[in-house]
C-alpha cells in the first residue's frame, strides 16, 4: 500500500538520479529502449551517485574483507630478545584477532555502508527509475511481492525476466546484411550503425570484421571503396581512412564554396627571378 501511494505521488518522469532516464514512463506499447541498453546507463549513474557498481551487489554474495595476518618480529639470537619478541608478536596477533572479530560482527560493507543497506538503496533507485509504466508492469506481474520483502538479487531476476528483449537472431542478421548507406548519413555514422547492429547478431569474434566488410560493400562512394579494396585493413583502419577521406572532401567543398582561387603560373615562369618592371626593390620603396 505504501509503495502504491509513493508511486502515485511521484511526478511524471521522476528519476532518482539526474541524467538517468526512466526505463518506461509513458503508457506506450513498448519501452523506448531495451532493458540491456538501460542497464548500460544505470550502472555508471549509480556508481557516480553511490560510489559502487550495482552489478557487484547482484552478482557477488556478501563477504567480509579481513586484514592480512601481521608479520611477526624475528625472535633474535638471545633468550632475552626472543622473550621480548614473543610478547610483541602475541600482542600483534591478539590485536589482529580482535579486529577480525569486530569486522565479522559488523558484517559485510560496501563503500562505508552495511551490505543490506547498500542493496536497499540500489533496489530503491532501480524501482523509482523504472518509470510509471515500468512499475505498473512489475506490480501487475508480481502483485503479492512488496519491494521491502524481496532481495536485490530476486528483484533483478524478476525485472530481467519481464523486460529482457527476446531477439530473433536470424531477423537481426537479415537486417544487418540488408542495411544500406543512406544519403543523409556520413560514412562514420553508417559504420557506427553497422557496428551497433552487429552486436545483436551473435557473431562472436567476427563482429567487427563483418561490419567492416559490409561497410566496404555498401558505402556510397566508389573511390573510398576502391582504396579499401587495395589493401587489407583492420576495422579501425577502415574507419580512419573513411573519416580522413570524408574530412578532406568536406574541406575541399568548403574552400570551393568560399571562392578561393589558386593562380597557376605557366611552367616557363617557374623558378624565374621576379620582374619588378625593370625597377629594383630599392626603387619600389622610394
C-alpha atoms as a PDB file:
ATOM      1  CA  UNK A   1       0.000   0.000   0.000  1.00  0.00           C
ATOM      2  CA  UNK A   2       2.813   2.372   0.921  1.00  0.00           C
ATOM      3  CA  UNK A   3       4.550   1.659  -2.352  1.00  0.00           C
ATOM      4  CA  UNK A   4       1.416   2.354  -4.365  1.00  0.00           C
ATOM      5  CA  UNK A   5       0.899   5.685  -2.589  1.00  0.00           C
ATOM      6  CA  UNK A   6       4.521   6.727  -3.125  1.00  0.00           C
ATOM      7  CA  UNK A   7       4.272   5.739  -6.742  1.00  0.00           C
ATOM      8  CA  UNK A   8       1.231   7.912  -7.321  1.00  0.00           C
ATOM      9  CA  UNK A   9       2.781  10.896  -5.549  1.00  0.00           C
ATOM     10  CA  UNK A  10       5.879  10.981  -7.747  1.00  0.00           C
ATOM     11  CA  UNK A  11       5.810  13.420 -10.656  1.00  0.00           C
ATOM     12  CA  UNK A  12       5.740  12.021 -14.165  1.00  0.00           C
ATOM     13  CA  UNK A  13       9.171  11.142 -15.461  1.00  0.00           C
ATOM     14  CA  UNK A  14      10.739  11.263 -11.982  1.00  0.00           C
ATOM     15  CA  UNK A  15      14.183   9.680 -11.791  1.00  0.00           C
ATOM     16  CA  UNK A  16      16.163   9.399  -8.528  1.00  0.00           C
ATOM     17  CA  UNK A  17      19.455  10.227 -10.284  1.00  0.00           C
ATOM     18  CA  UNK A  18      19.874  13.267 -12.585  1.00  0.00           C
ATOM     19  CA  UNK A  19      20.805  12.120 -16.075  1.00  0.00           C
ATOM     20  CA  UNK A  20      19.312   8.652 -15.613  1.00  0.00           C
ATOM     21  CA  UNK A  21      16.193   8.372 -17.811  1.00  0.00           C
ATOM     22  CA  UNK A  22      13.216   6.392 -16.636  1.00  0.00           C
ATOM     23  CA  UNK A  23      13.118   2.996 -18.271  1.00  0.00           C
ATOM     24  CA  UNK A  24       9.417   3.076 -19.164  1.00  0.00           C
ATOM     25  CA  UNK A  25       7.477   6.188 -18.198  1.00  0.00           C
ATOM     26  CA  UNK A  26       4.779   6.773 -20.834  1.00  0.00           C
ATOM     27  CA  UNK A  27       1.896   4.379 -21.489  1.00  0.00           C
ATOM     28  CA  UNK A  28       3.238   3.056 -24.792  1.00  0.00           C
ATOM     29  CA  UNK A  29       3.208  -0.388 -26.365  1.00  0.00           C
ATOM     30  CA  UNK A  30       6.893  -0.924 -25.556  1.00  0.00           C
ATOM     31  CA  UNK A  31       9.682   0.746 -23.632  1.00  0.00           C
ATOM     32  CA  UNK A  32      11.690   3.423 -25.502  1.00  0.00           C
ATOM     33  CA  UNK A  33      14.900   1.397 -25.101  1.00  0.00           C
ATOM     34  CA  UNK A  34      15.810  -2.208 -24.420  1.00  0.00           C
ATOM     35  CA  UNK A  35      16.480  -3.436 -20.919  1.00  0.00           C
ATOM     36  CA  UNK A  36      20.128  -4.097 -21.821  1.00  0.00           C
ATOM     37  CA  UNK A  37      20.567  -0.546 -23.123  1.00  0.00           C
ATOM     38  CA  UNK A  38      19.015   0.907 -19.982  1.00  0.00           C
ATOM     39  CA  UNK A  39      21.265  -1.149 -17.705  1.00  0.00           C
ATOM     40  CA  UNK A  40      24.285   0.307 -19.505  1.00  0.00           C
ATOM     41  CA  UNK A  41      23.118   3.760 -18.401  1.00  0.00           C
ATOM     42  CA  UNK A  42      22.066   2.637 -14.922  1.00  0.00           C
ATOM     43  CA  UNK A  43      25.425   1.190 -13.893  1.00  0.00           C
ATOM     44  CA  UNK A  44      27.569   4.346 -14.310  1.00  0.00           C
ATOM     45  CA  UNK A  45      24.742   6.522 -12.970  1.00  0.00           C
ATOM     46  CA  UNK A  46      24.545   4.530  -9.720  1.00  0.00           C
ATOM     47  CA  UNK A  47      28.331   4.416  -9.477  1.00  0.00           C
ATOM     48  CA  UNK A  48      28.537   8.206  -9.832  1.00  0.00           C
ATOM     49  CA  UNK A  49      25.862   8.642  -7.161  1.00  0.00           C
ATOM     50  CA  UNK A  50      26.675   5.875  -4.659  1.00  0.00           C
ATOM     51  CA  UNK A  51      30.333   5.075  -5.366  1.00  0.00           C
ATOM     52  CA  UNK A  52      29.916   1.391  -6.242  1.00  0.00           C
ATOM     53  CA  UNK A  53      28.734  -0.738  -9.149  1.00  0.00           C
ATOM     54  CA  UNK A  54      25.208  -2.116  -8.565  1.00  0.00           C
ATOM     55  CA  UNK A  55      26.056  -5.242 -10.566  1.00  0.00           C
ATOM     56  CA  UNK A  56      28.649  -6.079  -7.899  1.00  0.00           C
ATOM     57  CA  UNK A  57      25.861  -6.375  -5.331  1.00  0.00           C
ATOM     58  CA  UNK A  58      23.740  -8.528  -7.621  1.00  0.00           C
ATOM     59  CA  UNK A  59      26.375 -10.916  -8.965  1.00  0.00           C
ATOM     60  CA  UNK A  60      28.522 -11.345  -5.863  1.00  0.00           C
ATOM     61  CA  UNK A  61      27.429 -12.521  -2.469  1.00  0.00           C
ATOM     62  CA  UNK A  62      28.226 -10.535   0.671  1.00  0.00           C
ATOM     63  CA  UNK A  63      31.696 -11.109   2.059  1.00  0.00           C
ATOM     64  CA  UNK A  64      33.771  -9.603   4.849  1.00  0.00           C
ATOM     65  CA  UNK A  65      37.223  -8.388   3.837  1.00  0.00           C
ATOM     66  CA  UNK A  66      39.673  -9.248   6.620  1.00  0.00           C
ATOM     67  CA  UNK A  67      43.117  -7.686   7.069  1.00  0.00           C
ATOM     68  CA  UNK A  68      46.114  -9.906   6.357  1.00  0.00           C
ATOM     69  CA  UNK A  69      47.782 -11.660   9.242  1.00  0.00           C
ATOM     70  CA  UNK A  70      50.539  -9.418  10.677  1.00  0.00           C
ATOM     71  CA  UNK A  71      54.187 -10.236  10.070  1.00  0.00           C
ATOM     72  CA  UNK A  72      55.913 -11.451  13.202  1.00  0.00           C
ATOM     73  CA  UNK A  73      59.061  -9.937  14.663  1.00  0.00           C
ATOM     74  CA  UNK A  74      62.153 -12.157  14.415  1.00  0.00           C
ATOM     75  CA  UNK A  75      62.916 -13.805  17.759  1.00  0.00           C
ATOM     76  CA  UNK A  76      66.564 -12.815  17.853  1.00  0.00           C
ATOM     77  CA  UNK A  77      69.630 -14.712  18.959  1.00  0.00           C
ATOM     78  CA  UNK A  78      69.461 -14.425  22.746  1.00  0.00           C
ATOM     79  CA  UNK A  79      66.806 -15.751  25.140  1.00  0.00           C
ATOM     80  CA  UNK A  80      66.064 -12.247  26.404  1.00  0.00           C
ATOM     81  CA  UNK A  81      65.438 -10.864  22.919  1.00  0.00           C
ATOM     82  CA  UNK A  82      63.397 -13.935  21.969  1.00  0.00           C
ATOM     83  CA  UNK A  83      61.168 -13.479  25.026  1.00  0.00           C
ATOM     84  CA  UNK A  84      60.603  -9.787  24.245  1.00  0.00           C
ATOM     85  CA  UNK A  85      59.789 -10.520  20.603  1.00  0.00           C
ATOM     86  CA  UNK A  86      57.382 -13.281  21.596  1.00  0.00           C
ATOM     87  CA  UNK A  87      55.456 -10.794  23.752  1.00  0.00           C
ATOM     88  CA  UNK A  88      55.258  -8.311  20.866  1.00  0.00           C
ATOM     89  CA  UNK A  89      54.115 -10.999  18.461  1.00  0.00           C
ATOM     90  CA  UNK A  90      51.475 -12.132  20.901  1.00  0.00           C
ATOM     91  CA  UNK A  91      50.102  -8.600  21.182  1.00  0.00           C
ATOM     92  CA  UNK A  92      50.090  -8.262  17.390  1.00  0.00           C
ATOM     93  CA  UNK A  93      48.126 -11.478  16.978  1.00  0.00           C
ATOM     94  CA  UNK A  94      45.652 -10.510  19.697  1.00  0.00           C
ATOM     95  CA  UNK A  95      45.065  -7.130  18.050  1.00  0.00           C
ATOM     96  CA  UNK A  96      44.613  -8.802  14.645  1.00  0.00           C
ATOM     97  CA  UNK A  97      42.180 -11.386  16.018  1.00  0.00           C
ATOM     98  CA  UNK A  98      40.158  -8.676  17.771  1.00  0.00           C
ATOM     99  CA  UNK A  99      39.973  -6.650  14.541  1.00  0.00           C
ATOM    100  CA  UNK A 100      38.840  -9.696  12.573  1.00  0.00           C
ATOM    101  CA  UNK A 101      36.196 -10.425  15.196  1.00  0.00           C
ATOM    102  CA  UNK A 102      34.978  -6.810  15.022  1.00  0.00           C
ATOM    103  CA  UNK A 103      34.747  -6.857  11.216  1.00  0.00           C
ATOM    104  CA  UNK A 104      32.892 -10.174  11.194  1.00  0.00           C
ATOM    105  CA  UNK A 105      30.459  -8.918  13.828  1.00  0.00           C
ATOM    106  CA  UNK A 106      29.866  -5.719  11.823  1.00  0.00           C
ATOM    107  CA  UNK A 107      29.130  -7.695   8.672  1.00  0.00           C
ATOM    108  CA  UNK A 108      29.969  -7.028   5.016  1.00  0.00           C
ATOM    109  CA  UNK A 109      30.333  -3.407   3.965  1.00  0.00           C
ATOM    110  CA  UNK A 110      30.095  -1.554   0.650  1.00  0.00           C
ATOM    111  CA  UNK A 111      31.716   1.875   0.418  1.00  0.00           C
ATOM    112  CA  UNK A 112      31.177   2.501   4.122  1.00  0.00           C
ATOM    113  CA  UNK A 113      27.607   1.178   4.169  1.00  0.00           C
ATOM    114  CA  UNK A 114      26.340  -2.143   5.514  1.00  0.00           C
ATOM    115  CA  UNK A 115      25.753  -4.594   2.670  1.00  0.00           C
ATOM    116  CA  UNK A 116      21.994  -4.792   3.278  1.00  0.00           C
ATOM    117  CA  UNK A 117      21.638  -1.002   3.303  1.00  0.00           C
ATOM    118  CA  UNK A 118      23.602  -0.653   0.065  1.00  0.00           C
ATOM    119  CA  UNK A 119      21.358  -3.291  -1.555  1.00  0.00           C
ATOM    120  CA  UNK A 120      18.225  -1.498  -0.354  1.00  0.00           C
ATOM    121  CA  UNK A 121      19.479   1.811  -1.777  1.00  0.00           C
ATOM    122  CA  UNK A 122      20.175   0.278  -5.198  1.00  0.00           C
ATOM    123  CA  UNK A 123      16.841  -1.532  -5.135  1.00  0.00           C
ATOM    124  CA  UNK A 124      15.008   1.731  -4.422  1.00  0.00           C
ATOM    125  CA  UNK A 125      16.899   3.581  -7.170  1.00  0.00           C
ATOM    126  CA  UNK A 126      16.026   0.922  -9.741  1.00  0.00           C
ATOM    127  CA  UNK A 127      12.393   0.793  -8.623  1.00  0.00           C
ATOM    128  CA  UNK A 128      11.851   4.544  -8.883  1.00  0.00           C
ATOM    129  CA  UNK A 129      13.768   4.752 -12.190  1.00  0.00           C
ATOM    130  CA  UNK A 130      11.537   2.101 -13.778  1.00  0.00           C
ATOM    131  CA  UNK A 131       9.043   4.839 -14.568  1.00  0.00           C
ATOM    132  CA  UNK A 132       5.255   4.831 -14.171  1.00  0.00           C
ATOM    133  CA  UNK A 133       4.548   2.117 -16.727  1.00  0.00           C
ATOM    134  CA  UNK A 134       7.559   0.047 -15.657  1.00  0.00           C
ATOM    135  CA  UNK A 135       6.415  -0.009 -12.020  1.00  0.00           C
ATOM    136  CA  UNK A 136       2.856  -0.757 -13.089  1.00  0.00           C
ATOM    137  CA  UNK A 137       4.012  -3.746 -15.150  1.00  0.00           C
ATOM    138  CA  UNK A 138       6.056  -5.016 -12.209  1.00  0.00           C
ATOM    139  CA  UNK A 139       3.118  -4.903  -9.774  1.00  0.00           C
ATOM    140  CA  UNK A 140       0.821  -6.498 -12.339  1.00  0.00           C
ATOM    141  CA  UNK A 141       3.272  -9.360 -12.849  1.00  0.00           C
ATOM    142  CA  UNK A 142       4.078  -9.824  -9.150  1.00  0.00           C
ATOM    143  CA  UNK A 143       1.068  -8.494  -7.202  1.00  0.00           C
ATOM    144  CA  UNK A 144       1.962 -10.318  -3.972  1.00  0.00           C
ATOM    145  CA  UNK A 145       5.558  -9.126  -3.782  1.00  0.00           C
ATOM    146  CA  UNK A 146       6.449  -5.993  -1.868  1.00  0.00           C
ATOM    147  CA  UNK A 147       9.715  -4.207  -2.532  1.00  0.00           C
ATOM    148  CA  UNK A 148      10.936  -4.435   1.073  1.00  0.00           C
ATOM    149  CA  UNK A 149      10.340  -8.207   1.246  1.00  0.00           C
ATOM    150  CA  UNK A 150      12.413  -9.300  -1.761  1.00  0.00           C
ATOM    151  CA  UNK A 151      16.167  -9.248  -2.131  1.00  0.00           C
ATOM    152  CA  UNK A 152      18.021  -7.161  -4.673  1.00  0.00           C
ATOM    153  CA  UNK A 153      19.087 -10.354  -6.455  1.00  0.00           C
ATOM    154  CA  UNK A 154      15.482 -11.614  -6.773  1.00  0.00           C
ATOM    155  CA  UNK A 155      14.249  -8.156  -7.774  1.00  0.00           C
ATOM    156  CA  UNK A 156      16.863  -8.042 -10.520  1.00  0.00           C
ATOM    157  CA  UNK A 157      15.848 -11.514 -11.752  1.00  0.00           C
ATOM    158  CA  UNK A 158      12.163 -10.506 -11.859  1.00  0.00           C
ATOM    159  CA  UNK A 159      12.931  -7.430 -13.945  1.00  0.00           C
ATOM    160  CA  UNK A 160      15.254  -9.368 -16.242  1.00  0.00           C
ATOM    161  CA  UNK A 161      12.504 -11.917 -16.931  1.00  0.00           C
ATOM    162  CA  UNK A 162       9.930  -9.184 -17.541  1.00  0.00           C
ATOM    163  CA  UNK A 163      11.821  -6.730 -19.683  1.00  0.00           C
ATOM    164  CA  UNK A 164      14.637  -8.639 -21.331  1.00  0.00           C
ATOM    165  CA  UNK A 165      14.091  -8.437 -25.063  1.00  0.00           C
ATOM    166  CA  UNK A 166      13.686 -11.776 -26.815  1.00  0.00           C
ATOM    167  CA  UNK A 167      15.508 -11.322 -30.096  1.00  0.00           C
ATOM    168  CA  UNK A 168      15.251 -13.177 -33.368  1.00  0.00           C
ATOM    169  CA  UNK A 169      18.904 -13.564 -34.333  1.00  0.00           C
ATOM    170  CA  UNK A 170      18.026 -14.602 -37.885  1.00  0.00           C
ATOM    171  CA  UNK A 171      15.986 -11.432 -38.373  1.00  0.00           C
ATOM    172  CA  UNK A 172      18.737  -9.317 -36.796  1.00  0.00           C
ATOM    173  CA  UNK A 173      21.268 -10.735 -39.242  1.00  0.00           C
ATOM    174  CA  UNK A 174      18.951 -10.137 -42.201  1.00  0.00           C
ATOM    175  CA  UNK A 175      18.545  -6.520 -41.084  1.00  0.00           C
ATOM    176  CA  UNK A 176      22.319  -6.170 -40.766  1.00  0.00           C
ATOM    177  CA  UNK A 177      23.131  -7.554 -44.206  1.00  0.00           C
ATOM    178  CA  UNK A 178      20.350  -5.581 -45.884  1.00  0.00           C
ATOM    179  CA  UNK A 179      21.342  -2.274 -44.256  1.00  0.00           C
ATOM    180  CA  UNK A 180      22.315   0.289 -46.900  1.00  0.00           C
ATOM    181  CA  UNK A 181      24.192   3.561 -46.720  1.00  0.00           C
ATOM    182  CA  UNK A 182      21.582   6.338 -46.613  1.00  0.00           C
ATOM    183  CA  UNK A 183      22.060   9.598 -48.491  1.00  0.00           C
ATOM    184  CA  UNK A 184      21.823  11.628 -45.297  1.00  0.00           C
ATOM    185  CA  UNK A 185      24.428   9.565 -43.408  1.00  0.00           C
ATOM    186  CA  UNK A 186      28.116  10.285 -43.185  1.00  0.00           C
ATOM    187  CA  UNK A 187      30.427   7.327 -43.646  1.00  0.00           C
ATOM    188  CA  UNK A 188      31.278   7.397 -39.954  1.00  0.00           C
ATOM    189  CA  UNK A 189      27.594   7.313 -38.967  1.00  0.00           C
ATOM    190  CA  UNK A 190      26.958   4.417 -41.353  1.00  0.00           C
ATOM    191  CA  UNK A 191      29.907   2.448 -39.999  1.00  0.00           C
ATOM    192  CA  UNK A 192      28.804   3.088 -36.403  1.00  0.00           C
ATOM    193  CA  UNK A 193      25.293   1.857 -37.203  1.00  0.00           C
ATOM    194  CA  UNK A 194      26.689  -1.356 -38.714  1.00  0.00           C
ATOM    195  CA  UNK A 195      28.813  -1.956 -35.609  1.00  0.00           C
ATOM    196  CA  UNK A 196      25.796  -1.397 -33.353  1.00  0.00           C
ATOM    197  CA  UNK A 197      23.621  -3.786 -35.358  1.00  0.00           C
ATOM    198  CA  UNK A 198      26.376  -6.405 -35.418  1.00  0.00           C
ATOM    199  CA  UNK A 199      26.380  -6.593 -31.611  1.00  0.00           C
ATOM    200  CA  UNK A 200      22.887  -8.118 -31.741  1.00  0.00           C
ATOM    201  CA  UNK A 201      23.735 -10.891 -34.216  1.00  0.00           C
ATOM    202  CA  UNK A 202      25.836 -13.303 -32.116  1.00  0.00           C
ATOM    203  CA  UNK A 203      28.789 -13.028 -34.481  1.00  0.00           C
ATOM    204  CA  UNK A 204      31.414 -13.668 -31.820  1.00  0.00           C
ATOM    205  CA  UNK A 205      34.942 -12.546 -32.631  1.00  0.00           C
ATOM    206  CA  UNK A 206      33.956 -11.799 -36.253  1.00  0.00           C
ATOM    207  CA  UNK A 207      31.628  -8.965 -35.215  1.00  0.00           C
ATOM    208  CA  UNK A 208      33.871  -6.031 -36.184  1.00  0.00           C
ATOM    209  CA  UNK A 209      35.301  -7.802 -39.227  1.00  0.00           C
ATOM    210  CA  UNK A 210      31.865  -8.460 -40.729  1.00  0.00           C
ATOM    211  CA  UNK A 211      30.826  -4.857 -40.024  1.00  0.00           C
ATOM    212  CA  UNK A 212      33.965  -3.684 -41.853  1.00  0.00           C
ATOM    213  CA  UNK A 213      33.238  -5.940 -44.870  1.00  0.00           C
ATOM    214  CA  UNK A 214      29.652  -4.699 -45.067  1.00  0.00           C
ATOM    215  CA  UNK A 215      30.854  -1.114 -44.844  1.00  0.00           C
ATOM    216  CA  UNK A 216      33.244  -1.600 -47.761  1.00  0.00           C
ATOM    217  CA  UNK A 217      30.497  -3.302 -49.761  1.00  0.00           C
ATOM    218  CA  UNK A 218      27.683  -0.828 -49.045  1.00  0.00           C
ATOM    219  CA  UNK A 219      29.453   2.532 -48.716  1.00  0.00           C
ATOM    220  CA  UNK A 220      28.111   5.060 -51.238  1.00  0.00           C
ATOM    221  CA  UNK A 221      31.480   6.128 -52.594  1.00  0.00           C
ATOM    222  CA  UNK A 222      33.364   4.262 -55.288  1.00  0.00           C
ATOM    223  CA  UNK A 223      36.676   5.992 -54.597  1.00  0.00           C
ATOM    224  CA  UNK A 224      36.893   5.087 -50.916  1.00  0.00           C
ATOM    225  CA  UNK A 225      35.674   1.567 -51.717  1.00  0.00           C
ATOM    226  CA  UNK A 226      38.481   1.158 -54.226  1.00  0.00           C
ATOM    227  CA  UNK A 227      41.051   2.388 -51.712  1.00  0.00           C
ATOM    228  CA  UNK A 228      39.784  -0.031 -49.079  1.00  0.00           C
ATOM    229  CA  UNK A 229      39.896  -2.901 -51.570  1.00  0.00           C
ATOM    230  CA  UNK A 230      43.510  -2.146 -52.488  1.00  0.00           C
ATOM    231  CA  UNK A 231      44.858  -3.273 -49.116  1.00  0.00           C
ATOM    232  CA  UNK A 232      43.813  -5.489 -46.249  1.00  0.00           C
ATOM    233  CA  UNK A 233      42.817  -3.111 -43.465  1.00  0.00           C
ATOM    234  CA  UNK A 234      41.662  -3.628 -39.916  1.00  0.00           C
ATOM    235  CA  UNK A 235      38.168  -2.413 -38.919  1.00  0.00           C
ATOM    236  CA  UNK A 236      39.679   0.572 -37.098  1.00  0.00           C
ATOM    237  CA  UNK A 237      41.906   1.416 -40.066  1.00  0.00           C
ATOM    238  CA  UNK A 238      38.941   1.255 -42.449  1.00  0.00           C
ATOM    239  CA  UNK A 239      37.024   3.729 -40.296  1.00  0.00           C
ATOM    240  CA  UNK A 240      40.064   6.005 -40.031  1.00  0.00           C
ATOM    241  CA  UNK A 241      40.575   6.021 -43.829  1.00  0.00           C
ATOM    242  CA  UNK A 242      36.892   6.763 -44.457  1.00  0.00           C
ATOM    243  CA  UNK A 243      36.874   9.539 -41.851  1.00  0.00           C
ATOM    244  CA  UNK A 244      40.034  11.120 -43.304  1.00  0.00           C
ATOM    245  CA  UNK A 245      38.751  10.956 -46.870  1.00  0.00           C
ATOM    246  CA  UNK A 246      35.381  12.445 -45.911  1.00  0.00           C
ATOM    247  CA  UNK A 247      37.031  15.250 -43.941  1.00  0.00           C
ATOM    248  CA  UNK A 248      39.221  16.057 -46.940  1.00  0.00           C
ATOM    249  CA  UNK A 249      36.209  16.151 -49.221  1.00  0.00           C
ATOM    250  CA  UNK A 250      34.328  18.475 -46.859  1.00  0.00           C
ATOM    251  CA  UNK A 251      37.349  20.784 -46.603  1.00  0.00           C
ATOM    252  CA  UNK A 252      37.698  20.920 -50.380  1.00  0.00           C
ATOM    253  CA  UNK A 253      33.999  21.697 -50.741  1.00  0.00           C
ATOM    254  CA  UNK A 254      34.261  24.479 -48.161  1.00  0.00           C
ATOM    255  CA  UNK A 255      37.234  26.036 -49.941  1.00  0.00           C
ATOM    256  CA  UNK A 256      35.439  25.830 -53.271  1.00  0.00           C
ATOM    257  CA  UNK A 257      32.253  27.409 -51.911  1.00  0.00           C
ATOM    258  CA  UNK A 258      34.298  30.253 -50.405  1.00  0.00           C
ATOM    259  CA  UNK A 259      35.504  31.234 -53.883  1.00  0.00           C
ATOM    260  CA  UNK A 260      39.208  30.737 -53.183  1.00  0.00           C
ATOM    261  CA  UNK A 261      41.129  30.591 -56.477  1.00  0.00           C
ATOM    262  CA  UNK A 262      44.699  29.365 -56.682  1.00  0.00           C
ATOM    263  CA  UNK A 263      46.508  31.023 -59.586  1.00  0.00           C
ATOM    264  CA  UNK A 264      48.676  28.704 -61.651  1.00  0.00           C
ATOM    265  CA  UNK A 265      51.762  30.155 -63.391  1.00  0.00           C
ATOM    266  CA  UNK A 266      52.989  28.872 -66.766  1.00  0.00           C
ATOM    267  CA  UNK A 267      55.739  26.290 -66.491  1.00  0.00           C
ATOM    268  CA  UNK A 268      58.362  28.573 -68.106  1.00  0.00           C
ATOM    269  CA  UNK A 269      57.905  31.160 -65.321  1.00  0.00           C
ATOM    270  CA  UNK A 270      58.644  28.721 -62.519  1.00  0.00           C
ATOM    271  CA  UNK A 271      61.928  29.480 -60.676  1.00  0.00           C
ATOM    272  CA  UNK A 272      62.434  32.638 -62.794  1.00  0.00           C
ATOM    273  CA  UNK A 273      63.547  35.788 -60.895  1.00  0.00           C
ATOM    274  CA  UNK A 274      60.657  38.120 -60.237  1.00  0.00           C
ATOM    275  CA  UNK A 275      60.466  41.123 -62.589  1.00  0.00           C
ATOM    276  CA  UNK A 276      59.675  44.352 -60.754  1.00  0.00           C
ATOM    277  CA  UNK A 277      59.009  46.256 -64.029  1.00  0.00           C
ATOM    278  CA  UNK A 278      62.698  46.976 -64.636  1.00  0.00           C
ATOM    279  CA  UNK A 279      62.959  48.626 -61.217  1.00  0.00           C
ATOM    280  CA  UNK A 280      64.939  47.363 -58.255  1.00  0.00           C
ATOM    281  CA  UNK A 281      63.267  46.685 -54.910  1.00  0.00           C
ATOM    282  CA  UNK A 282      65.050  49.770 -53.554  1.00  0.00           C
ATOM    283  CA  UNK A 283      63.414  51.888 -56.257  1.00  0.00           C
ATOM    284  CA  UNK A 284      59.996  50.438 -55.458  1.00  0.00           C
ATOM    285  CA  UNK A 285      60.373  51.502 -51.820  1.00  0.00           C
ATOM    286  CA  UNK A 286      61.297  55.112 -52.748  1.00  0.00           C
END
